[in-house]
């Protein structure tokens, strides 16, 4: 695959970034062996960029994939660290569980704007010191907010932005798709590395695969795009589309494409803990059980990590 310099960073990344959320315990729940072999296959086919997070619990998949393939990809991870203690824990956990000497890109997870960035600045200072020591190569943020993309331009320490972006604007909390597009454009022009997430709206736009992908191909202000993949077929098909910048609607693709949904098991007790962690406001309690507003749900599966009874799953 073609690689491109990620903004003003030193990183050269493939146009496709393998988003590991979908293979881990919050979604597909592949075995470590199967998930690692899928990642290793992607490396061998030219995808050299991997996105993970402390929340995803996929570090072991990546560590194993490096052992299998002998290929060390560009690794991006993120955490909700807000002070020195939590930042130190997050970095040490990533280095140890990935079994690497450094992280290529460490990001603050789900930033909303300048106010949350300042609120997490003790963690930022720790990460910047870790960068000086060589434990982190570059620093950035992930976000669902137009404001965060705009505000990031003012901070030189934010080298990379990982924004939500799709043709319907699904998941953008504080604006329209046009507003997000303009914010991304300005950040790109200012030298920020940009790799988008949720281009298929967390699976909600898979039935419009062609339109979703053509929208991304027609937008020139992205360096890379994180895509969750769960099979060799998906890896091969996505690589072909990106290499040729053409969307192929094959019979096998149409047979494999299905819209994902967040499912709530019958034993849910309606404690509401998951609701506190859903930034899309897609969850509520009705008759003592959590219900999902599928028009708002991104199928990220983040909520399931907070359920002690394991009642939430993306299927």
Protein backbone atom coordinates (compact mmCIF):
# COMPACT_ATOMS: atom_id res chain seq x y z
CA UNK A 1 0.00 0.00 0.00
CA UNK A 2 0.96 3.62 -0.52
CA UNK A 3 2.34 5.32 2.58
CA UNK A 4 2.14 9.02 3.37
CA UNK A 5 3.81 11.32 5.89
CA UNK A 6 1.41 11.89 8.79
CA UNK A 7 1.30 15.68 8.85
CA UNK A 8 4.43 17.22 10.31
CA UNK A 9 5.33 14.07 12.24
CA UNK A 10 8.16 11.72 11.34
CA UNK A 11 5.71 8.88 10.72
CA UNK A 12 4.95 7.38 7.32
CA UNK A 13 1.67 5.49 7.44
CA UNK A 14 -0.51 3.48 5.09
CA UNK A 15 -3.73 5.03 3.83
CA UNK A 16 -5.61 2.38 5.80
CA UNK A 17 -5.09 2.19 9.54
CA UNK A 18 -6.25 -1.12 11.04
CA UNK A 19 -8.70 -0.24 13.83
CA UNK A 20 -8.42 -3.02 16.39
CA UNK A 21 -11.57 -2.22 18.38
CA UNK A 22 -13.62 -4.56 16.21
CA UNK A 23 -11.55 -7.71 16.80
CA UNK A 24 -11.31 -7.41 20.57
CA UNK A 25 -13.52 -8.17 23.57
CA UNK A 26 -15.77 -5.13 23.04
CA UNK A 27 -16.94 -6.39 19.64
CA UNK A 28 -16.05 -9.52 17.61
CA UNK A 29 -14.11 -11.19 20.44
CA UNK A 30 -11.73 -13.07 18.18
CA UNK A 31 -9.30 -15.36 19.93
CA UNK A 32 -5.85 -13.88 20.48
CA UNK A 33 -4.42 -16.29 17.92
CA UNK A 34 -7.03 -15.53 15.23
CA UNK A 35 -6.89 -11.79 15.80
CA UNK A 36 -3.10 -11.75 15.75
CA UNK A 37 -2.97 -13.72 12.50
CA UNK A 38 -5.43 -11.31 10.90
CA UNK A 39 -3.29 -8.34 11.93
CA UNK A 40 -0.14 -10.09 10.72
CA UNK A 41 -1.83 -10.73 7.36
CA UNK A 42 -2.70 -7.03 7.10
CA UNK A 43 0.95 -6.05 7.77
CA UNK A 44 2.12 -8.44 5.08
CA UNK A 45 -0.35 -6.87 2.63
CA UNK A 46 1.02 -3.39 3.30
CA UNK A 47 -1.06 -1.94 6.15
CA UNK A 48 1.59 -0.58 8.50
CA UNK A 49 -0.60 1.55 10.81
CA UNK A 50 -2.51 0.16 13.82
CA UNK A 51 -4.98 1.96 16.08
CA UNK A 52 -5.74 0.70 19.57
CA UNK A 53 -6.59 2.07 23.02
CA UNK A 54 -6.25 1.07 26.63
CA UNK A 55 -10.03 0.59 26.71
CA UNK A 56 -10.04 -1.82 23.74
CA UNK A 57 -7.97 -4.53 25.49
CA UNK A 58 -6.25 -5.44 22.21
CA UNK A 59 -2.60 -4.96 23.16
CA UNK A 60 -2.05 -8.71 23.35
CA UNK A 61 -3.37 -9.17 19.81
CA UNK A 62 -0.84 -6.65 18.52
CA UNK A 63 2.07 -8.05 20.53
CA UNK A 64 1.34 -11.52 19.19
CA UNK A 65 0.93 -10.24 15.62
CA UNK A 66 4.39 -8.69 15.72
CA UNK A 67 5.84 -12.00 16.91
CA UNK A 68 4.05 -13.90 14.13
CA UNK A 69 4.93 -11.52 11.29
CA UNK A 70 8.27 -10.10 12.37
CA UNK A 71 6.86 -6.72 11.31
CA UNK A 72 6.68 -3.80 13.73
CA UNK A 73 3.81 -1.50 12.62
CA UNK A 74 3.26 2.14 13.49
CA UNK A 75 1.25 1.89 16.71
CA UNK A 76 -1.27 4.49 17.85
CA UNK A 77 -2.91 4.13 21.24
CA UNK A 78 -4.92 6.35 23.53
CA UNK A 79 -6.15 6.63 27.11
CA UNK A 80 -8.35 8.75 29.34
CA UNK A 81 -5.40 9.74 31.55
CA UNK A 82 -5.94 13.08 33.27
CA UNK A 83 -3.02 13.38 35.71
CA UNK A 84 0.57 12.21 36.09
CA UNK A 85 -0.36 9.01 37.93
CA UNK A 86 -2.94 7.84 35.38
CA UNK A 87 -0.69 8.86 32.46
CA UNK A 88 2.24 6.92 33.88
CA UNK A 89 0.01 3.87 34.38
CA UNK A 90 -1.34 4.10 30.80
CA UNK A 91 2.07 4.45 29.19
CA UNK A 92 3.67 1.68 31.26
CA UNK A 93 0.74 -0.65 30.53
CA UNK A 94 1.01 -0.01 26.78
CA UNK A 95 4.78 -0.51 26.66
CA UNK A 96 4.64 -3.68 28.75
CA UNK A 97 1.64 -5.37 27.14
CA UNK A 98 2.69 -4.48 23.60
CA UNK A 99 6.28 -5.48 24.44
CA UNK A 100 7.74 -2.46 22.66
CA UNK A 101 10.34 0.16 23.61
CA UNK A 102 8.25 3.11 22.45
CA UNK A 103 4.78 4.12 21.26
CA UNK A 104 4.68 5.87 17.89
CA UNK A 105 1.59 7.92 18.70
CA UNK A 106 -0.03 8.37 22.11
CA UNK A 107 -3.33 10.22 22.24
CA UNK A 108 -5.82 11.51 24.79
CA UNK A 109 -9.06 9.64 24.18
CA UNK A 110 -12.30 11.48 23.31
CA UNK A 111 -11.33 15.10 23.86
CA UNK A 112 -14.14 17.66 23.62
CA UNK A 113 -12.19 20.87 23.19
CA UNK A 114 -9.76 23.24 24.82
CA UNK A 115 -11.49 22.95 28.22
CA UNK A 116 -11.04 19.18 28.49
CA UNK A 117 -7.52 19.39 27.08
CA UNK A 118 -6.56 21.90 29.78
CA UNK A 119 -8.27 19.71 32.36
CA UNK A 120 -6.03 16.82 31.31
CA UNK A 121 -2.89 18.91 31.02
CA UNK A 122 -1.04 17.25 33.89
CA UNK A 123 -1.25 14.03 31.85
CA UNK A 124 -0.21 15.93 28.72
CA UNK A 125 2.91 17.23 30.49
CA UNK A 126 3.80 13.69 31.52
CA UNK A 127 3.41 12.42 27.96
CA UNK A 128 5.50 15.28 26.59
CA UNK A 129 8.29 14.45 29.05
CA UNK A 130 8.01 10.79 28.00
CA UNK A 131 8.35 12.00 24.42
CA UNK A 132 11.58 13.80 25.30
CA UNK A 133 12.90 10.53 26.73
CA UNK A 134 11.94 8.56 23.61
CA UNK A 135 9.10 6.50 25.07
CA UNK A 136 6.58 8.32 22.86
CA UNK A 137 7.35 9.58 19.37
CA UNK A 138 4.31 11.82 18.83
CA UNK A 139 1.26 13.07 20.74
CA UNK A 140 -2.33 13.71 19.71
CA UNK A 141 -6.04 13.54 20.52
CA UNK A 142 -9.07 11.61 19.35
CA UNK A 143 -12.43 13.38 19.24
CA UNK A 144 -16.05 13.42 18.17
CA UNK A 145 -16.18 17.22 18.46
CA UNK A 146 -15.71 19.91 15.80
CA UNK A 147 -14.57 22.27 18.58
CA UNK A 148 -11.74 19.94 19.59
CA UNK A 149 -10.40 19.83 16.02
CA UNK A 150 -10.52 23.63 15.80
CA UNK A 151 -8.94 24.12 19.22
CA UNK A 152 -6.15 21.63 18.51
CA UNK A 153 -4.75 23.93 15.84
CA UNK A 154 -3.69 26.35 18.62
CA UNK A 155 -1.61 23.72 20.43
CA UNK A 156 1.69 22.73 18.79
CA UNK A 157 2.01 19.80 21.18
CA UNK A 158 -1.04 18.23 19.51
CA UNK A 159 0.62 16.79 16.42
CA UNK A 160 -2.10 14.38 15.32
CA UNK A 161 -5.90 14.51 15.39
CA UNK A 162 -8.12 11.42 15.12
CA UNK A 163 -11.61 12.80 14.36
CA UNK A 164 -14.89 11.10 13.66
CA UNK A 165 -15.87 11.69 10.02
CA UNK A 166 -18.46 10.18 7.70
CA UNK A 167 -20.78 11.44 4.98
CA UNK A 168 -23.84 11.57 7.23
CA UNK A 169 -22.09 13.14 10.19
CA UNK A 170 -23.10 10.27 12.44
CA UNK A 171 -21.46 10.66 15.85
CA UNK A 172 -20.40 14.30 15.49
CA UNK A 173 -21.58 15.75 18.79
CA UNK A 174 -21.48 19.52 18.23
CA UNK A 175 -21.89 20.25 14.56
CA UNK A 176 -22.55 19.16 11.00
CA UNK A 177 -20.45 17.11 8.63
CA UNK A 178 -19.65 20.30 6.70
CA UNK A 179 -18.42 21.99 9.86
CA UNK A 180 -16.25 19.00 10.71
CA UNK A 181 -14.89 18.90 7.15
CA UNK A 182 -13.85 22.55 7.36
CA UNK A 183 -12.23 22.07 10.78
CA UNK A 184 -10.29 19.05 9.50
CA UNK A 185 -9.21 21.00 6.41
CA UNK A 186 -7.82 23.84 8.52
CA UNK A 187 -6.00 21.44 10.85
CA UNK A 188 -4.53 19.62 7.85
CA UNK A 189 -3.34 22.91 6.33
CA UNK A 190 -1.69 23.76 9.67
CA UNK A 191 0.36 20.57 9.50
CA UNK A 192 -1.59 18.32 11.83
CA UNK A 193 -1.61 14.62 11.02
CA UNK A 194 -5.22 13.58 10.39
CA UNK A 195 -6.56 10.05 10.40
CA UNK A 196 -10.32 9.68 10.49
CA UNK A 197 -12.46 7.20 12.36
CA UNK A 198 -15.99 5.82 11.98
CA UNK A 199 -16.17 6.42 8.22
CA UNK A 200 -18.96 3.82 8.16
CA UNK A 201 -20.68 5.35 11.19
CA UNK A 202 -19.77 2.49 13.50
CA UNK A 203 -21.32 0.02 11.05
CA UNK A 204 -24.53 1.99 10.54
CA UNK A 205 -23.52 3.01 7.00
CA UNK A 206 -22.32 -0.37 5.76
CA UNK A 207 -25.46 -0.74 3.66
CA UNK A 208 -24.26 2.42 1.88
CA UNK A 209 -20.67 1.20 1.59
CA UNK A 210 -20.09 2.77 -1.82
CA UNK A 211 -21.31 6.23 -0.86
CA UNK A 212 -19.42 6.16 2.44
CA UNK A 213 -16.11 5.25 0.81
CA UNK A 214 -16.48 7.59 -2.16
CA UNK A 215 -17.07 10.45 0.27
CA UNK A 216 -13.69 9.70 1.88
CA UNK A 217 -11.93 9.33 -1.48
CA UNK A 218 -13.25 12.73 -2.56
CA UNK A 219 -12.03 14.49 0.61
CA UNK A 220 -8.35 15.46 0.20
CA UNK A 221 -7.54 16.46 3.79
CA UNK A 222 -6.98 13.05 5.37
CA UNK A 223 -3.68 11.21 5.64
CA UNK A 224 -5.17 7.89 6.71
CA UNK A 225 -8.44 6.27 7.73
CA UNK A 226 -8.98 3.84 10.59
CA UNK A 227 -11.16 0.92 9.55
CA UNK A 228 -12.18 -2.01 11.72
CA UNK A 229 -11.79 -5.33 9.92
CA UNK A 230 -12.66 -8.83 11.06
CA UNK A 231 -11.65 -11.10 8.17
CA UNK A 232 -9.08 -11.60 5.43
CA UNK A 233 -11.78 -10.82 2.89
CA UNK A 234 -12.36 -7.39 4.45
CA UNK A 235 -8.62 -6.64 4.52
CA UNK A 236 -8.17 -7.60 0.86
CA UNK A 237 -11.28 -5.79 -0.31
CA UNK A 238 -10.48 -2.55 1.51
CA UNK A 239 -6.88 -2.54 0.27
CA UNK A 240 -8.08 -3.01 -3.31
CA UNK A 241 -10.54 -0.13 -2.99
CA UNK A 242 -7.96 2.23 -1.48
CA UNK A 243 -5.19 1.32 -3.89
CA UNK A 244 -7.41 1.92 -6.91
CA UNK A 245 -9.59 4.63 -5.32
CA UNK A 246 -12.57 2.76 -6.63
CA UNK A 247 -15.37 1.05 -4.75
CA UNK A 248 -16.04 -2.56 -5.74
CA UNK A 249 -19.47 -3.92 -4.83
CA UNK A 250 -18.77 -7.60 -5.28
CA UNK A 251 -21.23 -10.38 -4.57
CA UNK A 252 -19.10 -11.52 -1.64
CA UNK A 253 -19.07 -8.01 -0.17
CA UNK A 254 -22.85 -7.71 -0.39
CA UNK A 255 -23.21 -11.11 1.25
CA UNK A 256 -20.84 -10.15 4.08
CA UNK A 257 -22.08 -6.63 4.75
CA UNK A 258 -24.53 -6.39 7.60
CA UNK A 259 -25.56 -3.55 9.83
CA UNK A 260 -24.22 -3.88 13.37
CA UNK A 261 -26.41 -3.28 16.40
CA UNK A 262 -25.81 -2.95 20.12
CA UNK A 263 -27.71 -5.77 21.84
CA UNK A 264 -28.83 -5.76 25.49
CA UNK A 265 -29.17 -9.19 27.13
CA UNK A 266 -32.28 -10.10 29.11
CA UNK A 267 -30.43 -10.19 32.45
CA UNK A 268 -29.69 -6.44 32.38
CA UNK A 269 -30.63 -4.96 35.78
CA UNK A 270 -30.85 -1.37 34.58
CA UNK A 271 -28.17 -0.02 36.92
CA UNK A 272 -27.42 2.76 34.44
CA UNK A 273 -23.63 2.63 34.67
CA UNK A 274 -23.34 2.28 30.89
CA UNK A 275 -25.47 5.38 30.38
CA UNK A 276 -22.92 7.49 32.24
CA UNK A 277 -20.26 6.50 29.70
CA UNK A 278 -22.24 6.91 26.46
CA UNK A 279 -21.28 10.25 24.97
CA UNK A 280 -23.82 9.81 22.18
CA UNK A 281 -26.75 9.77 24.65
CA UNK A 282 -27.96 6.59 22.95
CA UNK A 283 -28.86 4.69 26.13
CA UNK A 284 -31.68 5.04 28.63
CA UNK A 285 -33.51 2.88 31.17
CA UNK A 286 -37.06 1.76 30.53
CA UNK A 287 -38.99 -0.72 32.67
CA UNK A 288 -35.84 -1.57 34.60
CA UNK A 289 -33.70 -2.38 31.56
CA UNK A 290 -31.35 -0.44 29.32
CA UNK A 291 -32.73 0.36 25.87
CA UNK A 292 -30.79 1.58 22.85
CA UNK A 293 -31.64 4.44 20.51
CA UNK A 294 -30.08 2.94 17.39
CA UNK A 295 -30.33 6.25 15.53
CA UNK A 296 -27.70 7.64 17.93
CA UNK A 297 -25.63 4.54 18.74
CA UNK A 298 -22.19 4.28 17.08
CA UNK A 299 -21.77 0.60 17.99
CA UNK A 300 -18.38 1.44 19.49
CA UNK A 301 -19.01 -0.99 22.35
CA UNK A 302 -17.36 1.31 24.88
CA UNK A 303 -20.40 1.00 27.16
CA UNK A 304 -19.95 -2.76 27.45
CA UNK A 305 -16.64 -2.32 29.25
CA UNK A 306 -18.52 -0.71 32.15
CA UNK A 307 -21.19 -3.42 32.47
CA UNK A 308 -20.40 -5.75 35.38
CA UNK A 309 -22.98 -8.29 34.16
CA UNK A 310 -21.69 -8.34 30.55
CA UNK A 311 -25.14 -7.63 29.15
CA UNK A 312 -24.04 -5.37 26.27
CA UNK A 313 -22.55 -6.61 23.03
CA UNK A 314 -22.23 -5.42 19.44
CA UNK A 315 -23.59 -8.04 17.03
